[in-house]
Amino acid sequence: MTAMHLQIHLPGADPYPIGNELGDLSLGDAITEESAVIVDAVESADLLDEPTPEAREQLRDRVILDMTAQLVHPGDRSQSPDGILYTLAPAEP
């Protein structure tokens, strides 16, 4: 059974299912996948100080560290550098 969802508070964004069911991700994998999306959004919005591969990698690593620290229990929230809110939510029964 899917234990939780990583909810992205953005219209049309599907949550990441977190758990041990087929098709579910670990929370770490979901955060890693979403960090790449965040870096792309930040870069396209010209929020990166330097649009270099090193700056992208540093931002991705920071996002992963921040989200991993902030999203531990259902109800926990995290906001990405581009302003998008993420919530760790219990799965619907």
C-alpha atoms as a PDB file:
ATOM      1  CA  MET A   1       0.000   0.000   0.000  1.00  0.00           C
ATOM      2  CA  THR A   2       1.228   3.481  -0.830  1.00  0.00           C
ATOM      3  CA  ALA A   3       2.131   5.042   2.500  1.00  0.00           C
ATOM      4  CA  MET A   4       2.385   8.727   1.551  1.00  0.00           C
ATOM      5  CA  HIS A   5       2.426  11.175  -1.315  1.00  0.00           C
ATOM      6  CA  LEU A   6       4.840  13.971  -2.041  1.00  0.00           C
ATOM      7  CA  GLN A   7       2.274  16.587  -3.026  1.00  0.00           C
ATOM      8  CA  ILE A   8       3.340  19.405  -5.323  1.00  0.00           C
ATOM      9  CA  HIS A   9       1.153  22.478  -4.855  1.00  0.00           C
ATOM     10  CA  LEU A  10       1.038  23.430  -8.503  1.00  0.00           C
ATOM     11  CA  PRO A  11      -2.041  23.081 -10.735  1.00  0.00           C
ATOM     12  CA  GLY A  12      -1.875  19.910 -12.800  1.00  0.00           C
ATOM     13  CA  ALA A  13       1.098  18.415 -10.942  1.00  0.00           C
ATOM     14  CA  ASP A  14       0.688  14.778  -9.981  1.00  0.00           C
ATOM     15  CA  PRO A  15       1.902  13.714  -6.538  1.00  0.00           C
ATOM     16  CA  TYR A  16       4.707  11.203  -6.165  1.00  0.00           C
ATOM     17  CA  PRO A  17       3.475   7.979  -4.510  1.00  0.00           C
ATOM     18  CA  ILE A  18       5.819   7.075  -1.643  1.00  0.00           C
ATOM     19  CA  GLY A  19       5.850   3.517  -0.329  1.00  0.00           C
ATOM     20  CA  ASN A  20       6.709  -0.052  -1.184  1.00  0.00           C
ATOM     21  CA  GLU A  21       4.067  -0.857  -3.798  1.00  0.00           C
ATOM     22  CA  LEU A  22       4.931  -1.454  -7.446  1.00  0.00           C
ATOM     23  CA  GLY A  23       5.302   1.983  -9.017  1.00  0.00           C
ATOM     24  CA  ASP A  24       5.933   3.719  -5.701  1.00  0.00           C
ATOM     25  CA  LEU A  25       9.167   5.572  -5.049  1.00  0.00           C
ATOM     26  CA  SER A  26      11.218   5.991  -1.942  1.00  0.00           C
ATOM     27  CA  LEU A  27      11.006   9.504  -0.542  1.00  0.00           C
ATOM     28  CA  GLY A  28      14.677  10.023  -1.406  1.00  0.00           C
ATOM     29  CA  ASP A  29      14.114   9.024  -5.030  1.00  0.00           C
ATOM     30  CA  ALA A  30      11.068  11.310  -5.332  1.00  0.00           C
ATOM     31  CA  ILE A  31      13.041  14.233  -3.892  1.00  0.00           C
ATOM     32  CA  THR A  32      15.946  13.543  -6.242  1.00  0.00           C
ATOM     33  CA  GLU A  33      13.629  13.427  -9.270  1.00  0.00           C
ATOM     34  CA  GLU A  34      11.843  16.602  -8.254  1.00  0.00           C
ATOM     35  CA  SER A  35      15.136  18.419  -7.579  1.00  0.00           C
ATOM     36  CA  ALA A  36      15.972  18.143 -11.296  1.00  0.00           C
ATOM     37  CA  VAL A  37      12.583  19.692 -12.154  1.00  0.00           C
ATOM     38  CA  ILE A  38      13.199  22.492  -9.650  1.00  0.00           C
ATOM     39  CA  VAL A  39      16.658  23.259 -11.065  1.00  0.00           C
ATOM     40  CA  ASP A  40      15.197  23.468 -14.586  1.00  0.00           C
ATOM     41  CA  ALA A  41      12.446  25.821 -13.367  1.00  0.00           C
ATOM     42  CA  VAL A  42      14.898  28.030 -11.504  1.00  0.00           C
ATOM     43  CA  GLU A  43      17.211  28.200 -14.493  1.00  0.00           C
ATOM     44  CA  SER A  44      14.400  29.023 -16.930  1.00  0.00           C
ATOM     45  CA  ALA A  45      13.206  31.799 -14.594  1.00  0.00           C
ATOM     46  CA  ASP A  46      16.736  33.269 -14.555  1.00  0.00           C
ATOM     47  CA  LEU A  47      17.059  32.718 -10.803  1.00  0.00           C
ATOM     48  CA  LEU A  48      20.464  31.048 -11.052  1.00  0.00           C
ATOM     49  CA  ASP A  49      23.338  33.401 -10.344  1.00  0.00           C
ATOM     50  CA  GLU A  50      25.443  31.608 -12.946  1.00  0.00           C
ATOM     51  CA  PRO A  51      23.879  29.283 -15.543  1.00  0.00           C
ATOM     52  CA  THR A  52      26.776  26.810 -15.375  1.00  0.00           C
ATOM     53  CA  PRO A  53      26.677  23.044 -14.843  1.00  0.00           C
ATOM     54  CA  GLU A  54      28.405  23.563 -11.491  1.00  0.00           C
ATOM     55  CA  ALA A  55      25.767  26.065 -10.326  1.00  0.00           C
ATOM     56  CA  ARG A  56      22.991  23.666 -11.399  1.00  0.00           C
ATOM     57  CA  GLU A  57      24.641  20.823  -9.493  1.00  0.00           C
ATOM     58  CA  GLN A  58      25.093  22.953  -6.355  1.00  0.00           C
ATOM     59  CA  LEU A  59      21.457  24.041  -6.471  1.00  0.00           C
ATOM     60  CA  ARG A  60      20.268  20.453  -6.982  1.00  0.00           C
ATOM     61  CA  ASP A  61      22.351  19.281  -4.017  1.00  0.00           C
ATOM     62  CA  ARG A  62      21.015  22.110  -1.830  1.00  0.00           C
ATOM     63  CA  VAL A  63      17.408  21.330  -2.805  1.00  0.00           C
ATOM     64  CA  ILE A  64      17.923  17.636  -2.000  1.00  0.00           C
ATOM     65  CA  LEU A  65      19.461  18.455   1.397  1.00  0.00           C
ATOM     66  CA  ASP A  66      16.755  20.980   2.284  1.00  0.00           C
ATOM     67  CA  MET A  67      13.828  18.810   1.196  1.00  0.00           C
ATOM     68  CA  THR A  68      15.274  15.709   2.877  1.00  0.00           C
ATOM     69  CA  ALA A  69      15.622  17.606   6.153  1.00  0.00           C
ATOM     70  CA  GLN A  70      12.190  19.245   5.949  1.00  0.00           C
ATOM     71  CA  LEU A  71      10.037  16.391   4.603  1.00  0.00           C
ATOM     72  CA  VAL A  72      10.163  13.634   7.211  1.00  0.00           C
ATOM     73  CA  HIS A  73       6.641  13.069   8.547  1.00  0.00           C
ATOM     74  CA  PRO A  74       3.161  13.423   7.031  1.00  0.00           C
ATOM     75  CA  GLY A  75       2.192  17.093   7.168  1.00  0.00           C
ATOM     76  CA  ASP A  76       5.752  18.362   6.772  1.00  0.00           C
ATOM     77  CA  ARG A  77       6.223  21.117   4.183  1.00  0.00           C
ATOM     78  CA  SER A  78       9.061  22.496   2.109  1.00  0.00           C
ATOM     79  CA  GLN A  79       9.271  25.420  -0.291  1.00  0.00           C
ATOM     80  CA  SER A  80      11.617  25.285  -3.263  1.00  0.00           C
ATOM     81  CA  PRO A  81      13.751  28.218  -4.441  1.00  0.00           C
ATOM     82  CA  ASP A  82      11.243  28.872  -7.235  1.00  0.00           C
ATOM     83  CA  GLY A  83       8.453  29.276  -4.656  1.00  0.00           C
ATOM     84  CA  ILE A  84       6.621  25.978  -5.139  1.00  0.00           C
ATOM     85  CA  LEU A  85       5.280  24.375  -1.965  1.00  0.00           C
ATOM     86  CA  TYR A  86       5.684  20.637  -1.310  1.00  0.00           C
ATOM     87  CA  THR A  87       3.829  18.645   1.347  1.00  0.00           C
ATOM     88  CA  LEU A  88       4.351  15.124   2.543  1.00  0.00           C
ATOM     89  CA  ALA A  89       0.792  13.829   2.815  1.00  0.00           C
ATOM     90  CA  PRO A  90      -0.651  10.528   4.001  1.00  0.00           C
ATOM     91  CA  ALA A  91      -2.050   8.380   1.217  1.00  0.00           C
ATOM     92  CA  GLU A  92      -5.808   8.276   0.789  1.00  0.00           C
ATOM     93  CA  PRO A  93      -7.274   4.933   1.980  1.00  0.00           C
END
